[in-house]
Amino acid sequence: MKDPGEIPIDRRRLVASAAALACSAFAGLTPRRASAEQPGDLIGAMRLHVARDDDTLPDLAVDNDLGYGEVLAANPGVDPWLIPRGTVIVLPAAHLLPAGVRRGIVVNFGDQRLYFFQRGAVSSFPIGIAVEERDMRVGSTRILRKQEHPAWYPPPSVREESPWLPDMVAPGPDNPLGSRALYLEWPRVLIHGTNKPYGVGRRVSHGCIRLYEPDIAALYRDAAVGLPVTFVFEPVKLGWASGVLYLEIHPTLDQIDALENGEAVDRDEPAGLRELVLAVAAEAAGRIDWDVVALAARRRNGIPVAIVR
């Protein structure tokens, strides 16, 4: 591992924050699924990885059940493809739950994750989402049916872009639905696996939700027909755990695109942030550390940080 003195000051603070979370009561959770039996508002645990010669951020995302976008945001200044050996990589595996509905499946476009609530427990999986924001429908629906080894019928929007596609793509390695699919009451919106795992955590679909194959297998097994599915858009999340108020702010979708392209990102404070923090803090409002809130707003790295003194 690099000497701490070799890590730029902002990155040193980031690593320290991740290490503090990794030592929390959530650190014993399994790496493939961020979950907890009675989680409060915070699940999972931050982890650190010391880069080897052949590491890349896309591979680390796949190997650790994380989305590429969230790994990219948590490691500013790190070249995704050329990581010097010994670089400390933050694996952002701690997550605040979205506000509001906490039953069935909740898909949050704001952090590009799916949350599955069942029998007092919750699991979270990274997802690939639509390229166009207009295809990110918010609201509630249900699972209509389930299908193993689904055939894919390219919709008109896809056929316009790729007119050479057949009317039907049979199950197999060329099928973008992967091994399993959950069909919703909303037409043309599926939750499914993928034959392209590097698309998880990115804007890649025409409206469907893509999961890694191990994750869709687990979700398919436990999610019953009729289960409610709620879609929300919450890039800013607040929540309590063990008496501590945490704040988690993600980049906007356009900022994630810019990060993927290696462009500079102007990370303005989210509109209404102060009012939201005060509302959730309630009687603890006098203990809020506004410097930490401002730092989280500037970074927008998707890492939960404690904001009460």
Protein backbone atom coordinates (compact mmCIF):
# COMPACT_ATOMS: atom_id res chain seq x y z
CA MET A 1 0.00 0.00 0.00
CA LYS A 2 1.18 3.51 -0.69
CA ASP A 3 2.49 5.61 2.15
CA PRO A 4 -0.40 7.84 3.29
CA GLY A 5 1.75 10.85 2.56
CA GLU A 6 1.69 9.97 -1.13
CA ILE A 7 -2.10 10.23 -1.31
CA PRO A 8 -3.43 13.75 -2.14
CA ILE A 9 -5.15 15.38 0.82
CA ASP A 10 -8.70 15.08 -0.56
CA ARG A 11 -8.16 11.44 -1.40
CA ARG A 12 -6.66 10.78 2.04
CA ARG A 13 -9.85 12.12 3.66
CA LEU A 14 -11.94 10.01 1.29
CA VAL A 15 -10.02 6.86 2.22
CA ALA A 16 -10.31 7.71 5.92
CA SER A 17 -14.06 8.15 5.57
CA ALA A 18 -14.36 4.81 3.82
CA ALA A 19 -12.23 3.09 6.42
CA ALA A 20 -14.39 4.49 9.23
CA LEU A 21 -17.51 3.12 7.63
CA ALA A 22 -15.82 -0.21 6.97
CA CYS A 23 -15.25 -0.55 10.71
CA SER A 24 -18.94 0.00 11.46
CA ALA A 25 -21.40 -2.61 12.62
CA PHE A 26 -22.23 -3.30 8.97
CA ALA A 27 -18.75 -4.56 8.09
CA GLY A 28 -19.62 -8.25 8.46
CA LEU A 29 -21.99 -8.35 5.50
CA THR A 30 -21.23 -10.51 2.49
CA PRO A 31 -19.63 -8.79 -0.51
CA ARG A 32 -22.00 -10.08 -3.21
CA ARG A 33 -25.16 -8.62 -1.69
CA ALA A 34 -25.39 -5.49 0.44
CA SER A 35 -28.01 -6.56 2.92
CA ALA A 36 -29.09 -6.51 6.54
CA GLU A 37 -31.78 -8.20 8.63
CA GLN A 38 -32.96 -5.02 10.37
CA PRO A 39 -30.94 -2.31 8.68
CA GLY A 40 -32.30 1.00 9.91
CA ASP A 41 -31.46 3.30 7.00
CA LEU A 42 -27.89 2.17 6.26
CA ILE A 43 -26.90 -1.17 4.76
CA GLY A 44 -23.62 -2.65 3.59
CA ALA A 45 -20.10 -1.52 4.42
CA MET A 46 -17.43 0.54 2.71
CA ARG A 47 -14.37 -1.46 1.71
CA LEU A 48 -10.89 -0.64 0.48
CA HIS A 49 -8.88 -2.47 -2.17
CA VAL A 50 -5.16 -2.15 -2.88
CA ALA A 51 -4.72 -2.24 -6.64
CA ARG A 52 -2.78 -5.01 -8.36
CA ASP A 53 -1.03 -4.68 -11.70
CA ASP A 54 -3.98 -5.85 -13.80
CA ASP A 55 -6.83 -4.09 -11.98
CA THR A 56 -9.29 -1.79 -13.76
CA LEU A 57 -12.27 0.00 -12.28
CA PRO A 58 -14.76 -1.83 -14.57
CA ASP A 59 -13.37 -5.20 -13.45
CA LEU A 60 -13.40 -4.18 -9.78
CA ALA A 61 -17.04 -3.12 -10.15
CA VAL A 62 -18.05 -6.48 -11.62
CA ASP A 63 -15.99 -8.49 -9.12
CA ASN A 64 -17.47 -6.64 -6.13
CA ASP A 65 -21.14 -6.46 -7.20
CA LEU A 66 -20.95 -2.69 -7.70
CA GLY A 67 -22.00 -0.50 -10.58
CA TYR A 68 -19.30 1.05 -12.72
CA GLY A 69 -20.66 4.57 -12.22
CA GLU A 70 -20.60 4.36 -8.43
CA VAL A 71 -17.02 3.02 -8.40
CA LEU A 72 -15.97 5.80 -10.79
CA ALA A 73 -17.60 8.50 -8.64
CA ALA A 74 -16.02 7.14 -5.44
CA ASN A 75 -12.51 7.27 -6.91
CA PRO A 76 -11.97 10.72 -8.46
CA GLY A 77 -8.67 11.18 -10.23
CA VAL A 78 -8.10 7.44 -10.74
CA ASP A 79 -7.63 6.38 -14.36
CA PRO A 80 -10.20 3.58 -14.82
CA TRP A 81 -7.90 1.59 -17.10
CA LEU A 82 -4.39 2.39 -15.86
CA ILE A 83 -4.32 2.08 -12.07
CA PRO A 84 -0.82 2.16 -10.53
CA ARG A 85 -0.07 -0.85 -8.38
CA GLY A 86 -0.70 -0.07 -4.70
CA THR A 87 -3.36 2.60 -5.33
CA VAL A 88 -6.04 2.50 -2.64
CA ILE A 89 -9.42 2.00 -4.35
CA VAL A 90 -12.63 2.81 -2.49
CA LEU A 91 -15.36 0.20 -2.98
CA PRO A 92 -18.62 2.06 -2.17
CA ALA A 93 -20.65 -0.86 -0.82
CA ALA A 94 -22.51 1.07 1.91
CA HIS A 95 -25.86 2.56 0.93
CA LEU A 96 -28.64 4.54 2.52
CA LEU A 97 -32.10 3.24 1.70
CA PRO A 98 -34.33 5.45 -0.44
CA ALA A 99 -37.02 7.40 1.40
CA GLY A 100 -40.67 6.47 1.16
CA VAL A 101 -41.95 3.03 0.18
CA ARG A 102 -40.02 0.12 1.67
CA ARG A 103 -41.76 -2.98 0.42
CA GLY A 104 -41.27 -5.21 -2.55
CA ILE A 105 -38.77 -3.88 -5.08
CA VAL A 106 -37.65 -0.25 -5.13
CA VAL A 107 -35.60 0.92 -8.11
CA ASN A 108 -33.71 4.18 -7.58
CA PHE A 109 -32.47 5.83 -10.76
CA GLY A 110 -30.65 8.42 -8.62
CA ASP A 111 -28.07 5.93 -7.30
CA GLN A 112 -28.56 3.27 -10.00
CA ARG A 113 -29.46 0.55 -7.52
CA LEU A 114 -32.35 -1.82 -6.86
CA TYR A 115 -33.53 -2.53 -3.30
CA PHE A 116 -35.46 -5.71 -2.46
CA PHE A 117 -37.42 -5.74 0.81
CA GLN A 118 -38.59 -9.11 2.12
CA ARG A 119 -39.37 -10.59 5.54
CA GLY A 120 -37.73 -7.77 7.49
CA ALA A 121 -34.54 -7.84 5.41
CA VAL A 122 -33.31 -5.80 2.47
CA SER A 123 -30.85 -6.55 -0.32
CA SER A 124 -29.41 -4.10 -2.81
CA PHE A 125 -28.07 -4.67 -6.32
CA PRO A 126 -26.42 -2.33 -8.87
CA ILE A 127 -28.34 -1.81 -12.09
CA GLY A 128 -27.94 -0.60 -15.65
CA ILE A 129 -30.60 1.94 -16.62
CA ALA A 130 -31.97 3.74 -19.68
CA VAL A 131 -29.79 5.91 -21.89
CA GLU A 132 -32.48 8.59 -22.12
CA GLU A 133 -33.90 10.17 -18.98
CA ARG A 134 -37.34 10.29 -20.62
CA ASP A 135 -37.36 6.47 -20.45
CA MET A 136 -36.89 6.49 -16.67
CA ARG A 137 -40.51 6.26 -15.61
CA VAL A 138 -41.25 7.00 -11.95
CA GLY A 139 -44.20 5.38 -10.18
CA SER A 140 -45.54 2.03 -9.03
CA THR A 141 -46.31 -1.23 -10.83
CA ARG A 142 -46.14 -4.97 -10.12
CA ILE A 143 -44.45 -8.11 -11.40
CA LEU A 144 -46.76 -9.56 -14.04
CA ARG A 145 -44.84 -12.75 -14.81
CA LYS A 146 -41.39 -14.36 -14.62
CA GLN A 147 -39.45 -16.12 -17.35
CA GLU A 148 -36.27 -18.17 -17.35
CA HIS A 149 -34.26 -18.15 -20.59
CA PRO A 150 -36.47 -15.46 -22.13
CA ALA A 151 -36.56 -14.70 -25.84
CA TRP A 152 -36.01 -11.06 -26.79
CA TYR A 153 -38.26 -9.26 -29.25
CA PRO A 154 -36.48 -5.99 -30.18
CA PRO A 155 -38.90 -3.07 -29.79
CA PRO A 156 -39.36 -0.52 -32.58
CA SER A 157 -36.98 1.97 -30.95
CA VAL A 158 -34.17 -0.59 -31.00
CA ARG A 159 -34.97 -1.77 -34.51
CA GLU A 160 -34.73 1.81 -35.76
CA GLU A 161 -31.16 1.98 -34.48
CA SER A 162 -30.27 -1.58 -35.51
CA PRO A 163 -32.48 -2.57 -38.49
CA TRP A 164 -30.44 -5.75 -39.07
CA LEU A 165 -31.75 -7.34 -35.87
CA PRO A 166 -34.10 -10.32 -36.27
CA ASP A 167 -37.68 -10.18 -35.08
CA MET A 168 -36.74 -12.48 -32.20
CA VAL A 169 -33.45 -13.26 -30.49
CA ALA A 170 -33.47 -16.73 -28.96
CA PRO A 171 -32.11 -17.45 -25.46
CA GLY A 172 -28.33 -17.71 -25.42
CA PRO A 173 -25.15 -15.64 -25.30
CA ASP A 174 -26.42 -13.06 -27.82
CA ASN A 175 -29.61 -12.35 -25.90
CA PRO A 176 -29.39 -9.05 -23.93
CA LEU A 177 -32.02 -10.25 -21.41
CA GLY A 178 -29.60 -12.76 -19.93
CA SER A 179 -30.84 -15.86 -18.16
CA ARG A 180 -33.96 -14.50 -16.42
CA ALA A 181 -36.49 -11.70 -16.71
CA LEU A 182 -39.22 -10.17 -14.55
CA TYR A 183 -42.01 -8.71 -16.70
CA LEU A 184 -43.90 -5.81 -15.15
CA GLU A 185 -47.43 -4.54 -15.64
CA TRP A 186 -45.84 -1.58 -17.39
CA PRO A 187 -45.29 -2.64 -21.02
CA ARG A 188 -41.73 -2.81 -22.37
CA VAL A 189 -40.17 -2.38 -18.90
CA LEU A 190 -38.37 -5.50 -17.68
CA ILE A 191 -35.97 -6.28 -14.86
CA HIS A 192 -33.56 -8.80 -16.31
CA GLY A 193 -30.05 -10.20 -16.45
CA THR A 194 -27.51 -9.24 -19.07
CA ASN A 195 -24.98 -10.68 -21.48
CA LYS A 196 -22.89 -7.51 -21.06
CA PRO A 197 -21.96 -7.16 -17.37
CA TYR A 198 -19.87 -4.04 -17.99
CA GLY A 199 -23.12 -2.18 -18.69
CA VAL A 200 -24.28 -2.49 -15.07
CA GLY A 201 -23.98 0.88 -13.34
CA ARG A 202 -24.26 2.72 -16.66
CA ARG A 203 -26.92 4.20 -18.92
CA VAL A 204 -27.23 1.46 -21.51
CA SER A 205 -30.85 0.36 -22.04
CA HIS A 206 -34.02 1.62 -23.72
CA GLY A 207 -35.98 1.55 -20.47
CA CYS A 208 -35.29 -1.86 -18.92
CA ILE A 209 -33.33 -2.53 -15.73
CA ARG A 210 -30.24 -4.75 -16.08
CA LEU A 211 -28.62 -6.76 -13.29
CA TYR A 212 -25.56 -8.96 -13.04
CA GLU A 213 -26.41 -12.61 -13.61
CA PRO A 214 -25.85 -13.72 -9.95
CA ASP A 215 -28.10 -10.87 -8.81
CA ILE A 216 -30.98 -11.56 -11.19
CA ALA A 217 -30.77 -15.24 -10.17
CA ALA A 218 -31.24 -14.29 -6.50
CA LEU A 219 -33.97 -11.77 -7.23
CA TYR A 220 -35.80 -14.14 -9.59
CA ARG A 221 -35.79 -16.86 -6.94
CA ASP A 222 -37.35 -14.72 -4.22
CA ALA A 223 -39.49 -12.13 -6.02
CA ALA A 224 -43.01 -13.47 -6.51
CA VAL A 225 -45.49 -12.61 -9.23
CA GLY A 226 -47.65 -9.73 -7.97
CA LEU A 227 -44.82 -8.18 -5.93
CA PRO A 228 -45.03 -4.36 -5.96
CA VAL A 229 -42.27 -2.52 -7.82
CA THR A 230 -41.67 1.18 -7.20
CA PHE A 231 -39.43 3.42 -9.31
CA VAL A 232 -37.98 6.58 -7.71
CA PHE A 233 -35.37 9.19 -8.57
CA GLU A 234 -33.36 10.06 -5.44
CA PRO A 235 -29.73 11.09 -5.99
CA VAL A 236 -29.71 12.66 -2.49
CA LYS A 237 -30.49 10.36 0.43
CA LEU A 238 -30.50 10.88 4.20
CA GLY A 239 -31.00 8.31 6.91
CA TRP A 240 -30.34 7.29 10.50
CA ALA A 241 -28.24 4.41 11.80
CA SER A 242 -27.32 3.84 15.44
CA GLY A 243 -28.40 7.37 16.32
CA VAL A 244 -26.24 8.96 13.61
CA LEU A 245 -27.62 10.93 10.65
CA TYR A 246 -25.95 10.12 7.33
CA LEU A 247 -26.00 11.95 4.01
CA GLU A 248 -25.32 10.33 0.62
CA ILE A 249 -25.16 12.43 -2.57
CA HIS A 250 -24.65 10.96 -6.03
CA PRO A 251 -23.59 12.68 -9.23
CA THR A 252 -26.33 13.62 -11.65
CA LEU A 253 -26.74 11.31 -14.65
CA ASP A 254 -25.05 13.89 -16.87
CA GLN A 255 -22.15 14.15 -14.42
CA ILE A 256 -21.70 10.37 -14.51
CA ASP A 257 -21.57 10.56 -18.30
CA ALA A 258 -18.93 13.28 -18.05
CA LEU A 259 -16.87 11.22 -15.60
CA GLU A 260 -17.01 8.25 -17.98
CA ASN A 261 -15.70 10.50 -20.74
CA GLY A 262 -12.88 11.80 -18.55
CA GLU A 263 -14.34 15.31 -18.49
CA ALA A 264 -14.24 17.85 -15.67
CA VAL A 265 -17.44 17.96 -13.64
CA ASP A 266 -18.93 21.06 -12.02
CA ARG A 267 -20.53 19.60 -8.89
CA ASP A 268 -22.98 22.23 -7.71
CA GLU A 269 -24.93 21.76 -4.50
CA PRO A 270 -28.25 19.98 -5.12
CA ALA A 271 -31.25 22.29 -5.02
CA GLY A 272 -33.10 22.25 -1.70
CA LEU A 273 -30.35 20.34 0.10
CA ARG A 274 -30.35 22.48 3.25
CA GLU A 275 -34.13 22.24 3.64
CA LEU A 276 -34.05 18.46 3.16
CA VAL A 277 -31.28 18.02 5.73
CA LEU A 278 -33.15 20.14 8.29
CA ALA A 279 -36.39 18.25 7.73
CA VAL A 280 -34.78 14.84 8.27
CA ALA A 281 -32.60 16.01 11.17
CA ALA A 282 -35.63 17.43 13.03
CA GLU A 283 -34.68 17.82 16.72
CA ALA A 284 -31.00 17.12 15.89
CA ALA A 285 -30.81 20.14 13.55
CA GLY A 286 -28.59 22.03 15.99
CA ARG A 287 -25.95 19.29 15.78
CA ILE A 288 -25.56 19.28 11.99
CA ASP A 289 -22.02 19.78 10.76
CA TRP A 290 -22.68 22.01 7.75
CA ASP A 291 -19.05 21.88 6.64
CA VAL A 292 -19.42 18.13 6.13
CA VAL A 293 -22.70 18.68 4.29
CA ALA A 294 -21.02 21.19 1.98
CA LEU A 295 -18.09 18.83 1.35
CA ALA A 296 -20.45 15.97 0.49
CA ALA A 297 -22.31 18.28 -1.91
CA ARG A 298 -19.08 19.27 -3.67
CA ARG A 299 -17.84 15.71 -3.99
CA ARG A 300 -21.10 13.94 -4.94
CA ASN A 301 -19.23 10.65 -4.59
CA GLY A 302 -22.14 8.51 -3.38
CA ILE A 303 -20.45 7.70 -0.06
CA PRO A 304 -22.60 7.97 3.09
CA VAL A 305 -21.08 10.44 5.58
CA ALA A 306 -22.11 11.27 9.15
CA ILE A 307 -23.36 14.87 9.35
CA VAL A 308 -24.23 15.31 13.03
CA ARG A 309 -21.67 16.31 15.66
